[in-house]
Structures are given as structure tokens and as C-alpha cells.
Amino acid sequence: SLKLSFGEKFNKEDEKKVNELEFINIFYTQQYFTNSEASIENLSKKLEVHANDLYRFIYNKYSMSFNDLVNKNRIDYFIDLVHDKRFSNYTIDALAKEVGFSSRQHLYKPFKKFHGGSPSNFIDAVSG
């Protein structure tokens, strides 16, 4: 039982290392996920925590890896932009870059994973 209580103490300390409000501010409010250079190392420097602690925080809070969290939010943002009339004249490539992907090709696999189908079929369904 000493081992168990000692282990719980370490887990609680790890969770305190990442300031959740600061994470939400940088990742969501400032839309860090749209940065094409987004990396767990870069974000951990901004949050002033160790990358391993940030990885654990993200996995425990969102049940996914950092890359999946970034891609899921990029896909959600892509869907928002497709519904926004101000972006109706954007190409898929331009929308992909707007949400943080380096190209249209890098959009397809995460789009299928988190939304299903293809971006072009989705845009056709929304605009048609």
C-alpha cells in the first residue's frame, strides 16, 4: 500500500505541473493547433513544463496523443471554415493551410480519421 500511495502522490504532482487554464488559453483561445510548426516540444516551452508532463496531461485529459489532439482540432476548425461564407471561395489547399496543415494532402488522412469521408465530398455536401 505504501507503493500505491506513493505512486498517487507522483501522479498528482505531475498534473499540477501543467496549468490547465494556460494550456486552454494557448492551445484553444490562441489557436496554437493552427501553427504549422506545432509540436509538443514547442508548446511545452511556452507552458514552461517538461514535454513528458505535457504529453501525460494531454493523454489523461483528452485520451489521445498530442498529434491527434492537434489534428482533431484542425479538422474541427476546417469544418467551421467550410460553413463560414467568408471562406466560400477558398480552395481545399488554402483551407488546409489556414487550419495548420502544410498541404491538402496532409489534410486527407486526419479528415477521414476524425470526420469520415473526404474534405471535397464534405464541401460538396455543405455547398450543394
Protein backbone atom coordinates (compact mmCIF):
# COMPACT_ATOMS: atom_id res chain seq x y z
CA SER A 1 0.00 0.00 0.00
CA LEU A 2 2.97 2.31 0.52
CA LYS A 3 3.88 1.90 -3.14
CA LEU A 4 0.34 2.74 -4.24
CA SER A 5 0.03 5.89 -2.15
CA PHE A 6 3.49 6.98 -3.21
CA GLY A 7 2.53 6.46 -6.87
CA GLU A 8 -0.64 8.53 -6.44
CA LYS A 9 1.42 11.35 -4.98
CA PHE A 10 3.60 11.47 -8.07
CA ASN A 11 0.58 11.47 -10.40
CA LYS A 12 -1.00 14.39 -8.55
CA GLU A 13 2.24 16.37 -8.74
CA ASP A 14 2.53 15.71 -12.48
CA GLU A 15 -0.98 17.02 -13.08
CA LYS A 16 -0.18 20.24 -11.20
CA LYS A 17 2.82 20.94 -13.42
CA VAL A 18 0.60 21.79 -16.41
CA ASN A 19 -1.60 24.82 -15.78
CA GLU A 20 -4.86 23.78 -17.43
CA LEU A 21 -6.12 27.35 -17.91
CA GLU A 22 -2.84 28.37 -19.51
CA PHE A 23 -3.00 25.29 -21.75
CA ILE A 24 -6.58 26.15 -22.82
CA ASN A 25 -5.60 29.78 -23.45
CA ILE A 26 -2.63 28.93 -25.65
CA PHE A 27 -3.94 25.79 -27.37
CA TYR A 28 -7.57 26.80 -27.94
CA THR A 29 -8.02 30.55 -27.48
CA GLN A 30 -4.81 31.49 -29.30
CA GLN A 31 -5.38 28.54 -31.67
CA TYR A 32 -1.90 27.06 -31.23
CA PHE A 33 -3.10 23.99 -33.15
CA THR A 34 -3.25 26.09 -36.36
CA ASN A 35 0.51 26.67 -36.21
CA SER A 36 2.01 24.53 -38.97
CA GLU A 37 5.10 24.11 -36.77
CA ALA A 38 3.05 22.89 -33.76
CA SER A 39 4.98 20.40 -31.67
CA ILE A 40 4.78 19.10 -28.14
CA GLU A 41 8.29 20.43 -27.52
CA ASN A 42 7.38 23.94 -28.68
CA LEU A 43 4.15 24.00 -26.65
CA SER A 44 5.88 22.63 -23.56
CA LYS A 45 8.38 25.53 -23.76
CA LYS A 46 5.51 28.03 -23.98
CA LEU A 47 3.87 26.42 -20.94
CA GLU A 48 7.22 26.06 -19.16
CA VAL A 49 6.74 22.37 -18.44
CA HIS A 50 8.57 19.23 -19.47
CA ALA A 51 7.33 17.69 -22.72
CA ASN A 52 6.70 14.35 -20.96
CA ASP A 53 4.47 16.06 -18.39
CA LEU A 54 2.54 17.81 -21.15
CA TYR A 55 2.16 14.54 -23.06
CA ARG A 56 0.80 12.83 -19.91
CA PHE A 57 -1.56 15.76 -19.22
CA ILE A 58 -2.97 15.66 -22.77
CA TYR A 59 -3.33 11.89 -22.75
CA ASN A 60 -5.05 11.87 -19.34
CA LYS A 61 -7.36 14.80 -20.18
CA TYR A 62 -8.21 14.05 -23.83
CA SER A 63 -7.39 10.32 -24.19
CA MET A 64 -5.29 10.94 -27.28
CA SER A 65 -1.77 11.85 -28.30
CA PHE A 66 -0.63 15.42 -28.87
CA ASN A 67 -0.61 14.92 -32.65
CA ASP A 68 -4.15 13.53 -32.63
CA LEU A 69 -5.34 16.44 -30.48
CA VAL A 70 -3.76 18.93 -32.90
CA ASN A 71 -5.20 17.17 -35.97
CA LYS A 72 -8.67 16.75 -34.45
CA ASN A 73 -8.84 20.48 -33.68
CA ARG A 74 -7.55 21.35 -37.14
CA ILE A 75 -10.31 19.20 -38.68
CA ASP A 76 -12.96 20.78 -36.43
CA TYR A 77 -11.69 24.23 -37.45
CA PHE A 78 -11.66 23.20 -41.13
CA ILE A 79 -15.33 22.20 -40.80
CA ASP A 80 -16.10 25.57 -39.17
CA LEU A 81 -14.38 27.42 -42.02
CA VAL A 82 -16.27 25.44 -44.67
CA HIS A 83 -19.52 26.60 -43.04
CA ASP A 84 -18.27 30.22 -42.89
CA LYS A 85 -19.35 32.14 -46.01
CA ARG A 86 -16.22 34.33 -45.79
CA PHE A 87 -14.19 31.26 -46.81
CA SER A 88 -16.51 30.02 -49.56
CA ASN A 89 -14.06 30.96 -52.33
CA TYR A 90 -11.07 29.23 -50.68
CA THR A 91 -9.66 26.10 -52.29
CA ILE A 92 -9.21 22.96 -50.21
CA ASP A 93 -5.46 23.60 -50.25
CA ALA A 94 -5.96 27.16 -48.94
CA LEU A 95 -8.35 25.93 -46.22
CA ALA A 96 -5.90 23.17 -45.25
CA LYS A 97 -3.12 25.75 -44.83
CA GLU A 98 -5.46 28.10 -42.94
CA VAL A 99 -6.08 25.43 -40.28
CA GLY A 100 -2.40 24.46 -39.96
CA PHE A 101 -1.76 21.61 -42.40
CA SER A 102 1.21 22.08 -44.70
CA SER A 103 -0.81 20.95 -47.73
CA ARG A 104 -4.07 19.50 -48.94
CA GLN A 105 -2.52 16.01 -48.93
CA HIS A 106 -1.78 16.24 -45.18
CA LEU A 107 -5.44 17.07 -44.52
CA TYR A 108 -6.96 13.90 -46.00
CA LYS A 109 -5.86 11.18 -43.57
CA PRO A 110 -6.79 13.10 -40.38
CA PHE A 111 -10.06 14.23 -42.00
CA LYS A 112 -11.01 10.63 -42.69
CA LYS A 113 -9.95 9.57 -39.19
CA PHE A 114 -11.87 12.26 -37.27
CA HIS A 115 -14.77 13.03 -39.60
CA GLY A 116 -15.02 10.28 -42.20
CA GLY A 117 -15.11 10.70 -45.97
CA SER A 118 -13.06 13.24 -47.82
CA PRO A 119 -12.83 17.03 -47.49
CA SER A 120 -14.03 17.56 -51.08
CA ASN A 121 -17.14 15.39 -50.54
CA PHE A 122 -17.84 17.28 -47.32
CA ILE A 123 -17.54 20.67 -49.06
CA ASP A 124 -19.80 19.46 -51.89
CA ALA A 125 -22.40 18.31 -49.36
CA VAL A 126 -22.30 21.64 -47.49
CA SER A 127 -22.36 23.90 -50.55
CA GLY A 128 -24.65 21.78 -52.69
